[in-house]
C-alpha atoms as a PDB file:
ATOM      1  CA  MET A   1     -26.042 -21.104   5.339  1.00  0.00           C
ATOM      2  CA  ALA A   2     -25.407 -17.452   6.823  1.00  0.00           C
ATOM      3  CA  GLU A   3     -22.803 -18.249   8.618  1.00  0.00           C
ATOM      4  CA  PHE A   4     -20.636 -19.937   5.580  1.00  0.00           C
ATOM      5  CA  ASP A   5     -21.174 -16.450   3.340  1.00  0.00           C
ATOM      6  CA  GLY A   6     -19.768 -14.449   6.253  1.00  0.00           C
ATOM      7  CA  LEU A   7     -16.620 -16.579   6.490  1.00  0.00           C
ATOM      8  CA  LEU A   8     -16.623 -16.217   2.293  1.00  0.00           C
ATOM      9  CA  PHE A   9     -16.709 -12.640   2.586  1.00  0.00           C
ATOM     10  CA  SER A  10     -14.266 -12.270   5.487  1.00  0.00           C
ATOM     11  CA  GLY A  11     -12.134 -14.642   3.428  1.00  0.00           C
ATOM     12  CA  LEU A  12     -12.307 -12.699   0.095  1.00  0.00           C
ATOM     13  CA  TYR A  13     -11.919  -9.323   2.571  1.00  0.00           C
ATOM     14  CA  VAL A  14      -8.209 -10.726   3.611  1.00  0.00           C
ATOM     15  CA  ALA A  15      -7.334 -11.644   0.241  1.00  0.00           C
ATOM     16  CA  ALA A  16      -7.931  -8.207  -0.980  1.00  0.00           C
ATOM     17  CA  GLN A  17      -6.494  -6.923   1.379  1.00  0.00           C
ATOM     18  CA  VAL A  18      -3.035  -9.386   1.504  1.00  0.00           C
ATOM     19  CA  LEU A  19      -2.645  -8.375  -2.114  1.00  0.00           C
ATOM     20  CA  THR A  20      -3.404  -4.708  -2.621  1.00  0.00           C
ATOM     21  CA  LEU A  21      -0.802  -4.406   0.325  1.00  0.00           C
ATOM     22  CA  TRP A  22       1.669  -6.834  -1.296  1.00  0.00           C
ATOM     23  CA  ALA A  23       1.220  -4.383  -4.785  1.00  0.00           C
ATOM     24  CA  PHE A  24       1.905  -1.721  -3.095  1.00  0.00           C
ATOM     25  CA  VAL A  25       5.284  -2.571  -1.421  1.00  0.00           C
ATOM     26  CA  ASP A  26       6.797  -4.012  -4.122  1.00  0.00           C
ATOM     27  CA  ALA A  27       5.519  -1.104  -5.809  1.00  0.00           C
ATOM     28  CA  LEU A  28       8.137   0.416  -2.908  1.00  0.00           C
ATOM     29  CA  ILE A  29      10.704  -1.951  -3.596  1.00  0.00           C
ATOM     30  CA  ARG A  30      11.197  -1.789  -7.029  1.00  0.00           C
ATOM     31  CA  PRO A  31      14.226   0.638  -8.188  1.00  0.00           C
ATOM     32  CA  ALA A  32      12.640   3.567 -10.189  1.00  0.00           C
ATOM     33  CA  PRO A  33      14.496   4.178 -13.429  1.00  0.00           C
ATOM     34  CA  ASN A  34      13.571   0.447 -14.071  1.00  0.00           C
ATOM     35  CA  PHE A  35       9.318   1.606 -14.013  1.00  0.00           C
ATOM     36  CA  VAL A  36      10.523   3.898 -17.122  1.00  0.00           C
ATOM     37  CA  ALA A  37      12.853   1.893 -18.518  1.00  0.00           C
ATOM     38  CA  MET A  38      10.442  -0.746 -19.726  1.00  0.00           C
ATOM     39  CA  GLY A  39       7.755   1.717 -20.885  1.00  0.00           C
ATOM     40  CA  LYS A  40       5.189   1.307 -17.373  1.00  0.00           C
ATOM     41  CA  LEU A  41       3.891   4.703 -15.785  1.00  0.00           C
ATOM     42  CA  SER A  42       6.524   5.808 -13.254  1.00  0.00           C
ATOM     43  CA  LYS A  43       7.022   4.604  -9.820  1.00  0.00           C
ATOM     44  CA  PRO A  44       5.596   6.955  -7.888  1.00  0.00           C
ATOM     45  CA  ALA A  45       2.040   6.616  -9.758  1.00  0.00           C
ATOM     46  CA  TRP A  46       2.320   2.913  -9.387  1.00  0.00           C
ATOM     47  CA  ALA A  47       3.068   3.884  -5.698  1.00  0.00           C
ATOM     48  CA  GLY A  48      -0.142   5.788  -5.262  1.00  0.00           C
ATOM     49  CA  ILE A  49      -2.233   3.650  -7.348  1.00  0.00           C
ATOM     50  CA  THR A  50      -1.531   0.787  -5.538  1.00  0.00           C
ATOM     51  CA  GLY A  51      -1.368   2.786  -2.453  1.00  0.00           C
ATOM     52  CA  LEU A  52      -4.838   4.025  -3.117  1.00  0.00           C
ATOM     53  CA  ALA A  53      -6.535   0.575  -4.163  1.00  0.00           C
ATOM     54  CA  ALA A  54      -4.738  -0.617  -0.153  1.00  0.00           C
ATOM     55  CA  VAL A  55      -6.644   2.406   1.422  1.00  0.00           C
ATOM     56  CA  PHE A  56      -9.846   1.705  -0.860  1.00  0.00           C
ATOM     57  CA  VAL A  57     -10.325  -1.669  -0.145  1.00  0.00           C
ATOM     58  CA  TYR A  58      -9.291  -1.160   3.950  1.00  0.00           C
ATOM     59  CA  LEU A  59     -12.107   1.196   3.946  1.00  0.00           C
ATOM     60  CA  PHE A  60     -14.864  -0.053   1.668  1.00  0.00           C
ATOM     61  CA  GLY A  61     -14.352  -4.046   1.189  1.00  0.00           C
ATOM     62  CA  ALA A  62     -13.556  -5.960  -1.696  1.00  0.00           C
ATOM     63  CA  MET A  63     -16.807  -6.499  -3.185  1.00  0.00           C
ATOM     64  CA  SER A  64     -17.634  -2.593  -3.166  1.00  0.00           C
ATOM     65  CA  PHE A  65     -18.176  -0.423  -5.987  1.00  0.00           C
ATOM     66  CA  LEU A  66     -14.167   1.352  -5.416  1.00  0.00           C
ATOM     67  CA  GLY A  67     -12.580  -2.016  -3.794  1.00  0.00           C
ATOM     68  CA  LEU A  68     -13.553  -4.198  -6.790  1.00  0.00           C
ATOM     69  CA  PRO A  69     -11.660  -1.534  -8.987  1.00  0.00           C
ATOM     70  CA  ALA A  70      -8.594  -1.203  -6.738  1.00  0.00           C
ATOM     71  CA  VAL A  71      -8.346  -4.852  -6.458  1.00  0.00           C
ATOM     72  CA  ILE A  72      -8.637  -4.823 -10.202  1.00  0.00           C
ATOM     73  CA  ALA A  73      -5.610  -2.401 -10.412  1.00  0.00           C
ATOM     74  CA  ALA A  74      -2.885  -4.016  -7.300  1.00  0.00           C
ATOM     75  CA  THR A  75      -3.410  -7.386 -10.595  1.00  0.00           C
ATOM     76  CA  VAL A  76      -2.638  -5.674 -13.086  1.00  0.00           C
ATOM     77  CA  TYR A  77       0.418  -4.315 -11.172  1.00  0.00           C
ATOM     78  CA  LEU A  78       1.047  -8.129 -10.053  1.00  0.00           C
ATOM     79  CA  VAL A  79       0.894  -9.636 -13.476  1.00  0.00           C
ATOM     80  CA  ASP A  80       2.065  -6.853 -16.042  1.00  0.00           C
ATOM     81  CA  VAL A  81       4.151  -4.111 -14.376  1.00  0.00           C
ATOM     82  CA  ARG A  82       5.803  -6.434 -11.609  1.00  0.00           C
ATOM     83  CA  PRO A  83       7.613  -9.188 -14.209  1.00  0.00           C
ATOM     84  CA  ALA A  84       8.255  -6.253 -16.289  1.00  0.00           C
ATOM     85  CA  VAL A  85       9.887  -4.342 -13.827  1.00  0.00           C
ATOM     86  CA  ARG A  86      11.706  -7.250 -11.507  1.00  0.00           C
ATOM     87  CA  GLY A  87      13.579  -8.565 -14.945  1.00  0.00           C
ATOM     88  CA  LEU A  88      15.792  -5.619 -15.070  1.00  0.00           C
ATOM     89  CA  SER A  89      18.948  -5.810 -13.048  1.00  0.00           C
ATOM     90  CA  ARG A  90      19.682  -3.491 -10.347  1.00  0.00           C
ATOM     91  CA  GLY A  91      23.195  -2.372 -12.336  1.00  0.00           C
ATOM     92  CA  ASN A  92      25.816  -4.114 -10.114  1.00  0.00           C
ATOM     93  CA  SER A  93      27.543  -6.931 -10.875  1.00  0.00           C
ATOM     94  CA  TRP A  94      26.241  -9.199  -8.170  1.00  0.00           C
END
């Protein structure tokens, strides 16, 4: 049973790390004006939040005192901010 627990927590750790890194990279590639146009925090703010989330999950794990809020912050970005910012065009016609 201990092997299953270790495998489960390792899987959760990897999933949380992938989630936070995905949110961080996505925040970096989105255009900065889109964040302000949609009434969200600025691009540097979300890049910082998601970057710190990735660092906290890496250092402390997903089920720690700082890891769980980090996963929640990355999830908020991916569920709320990303769809809003992604919906705007970049200004070119193609």
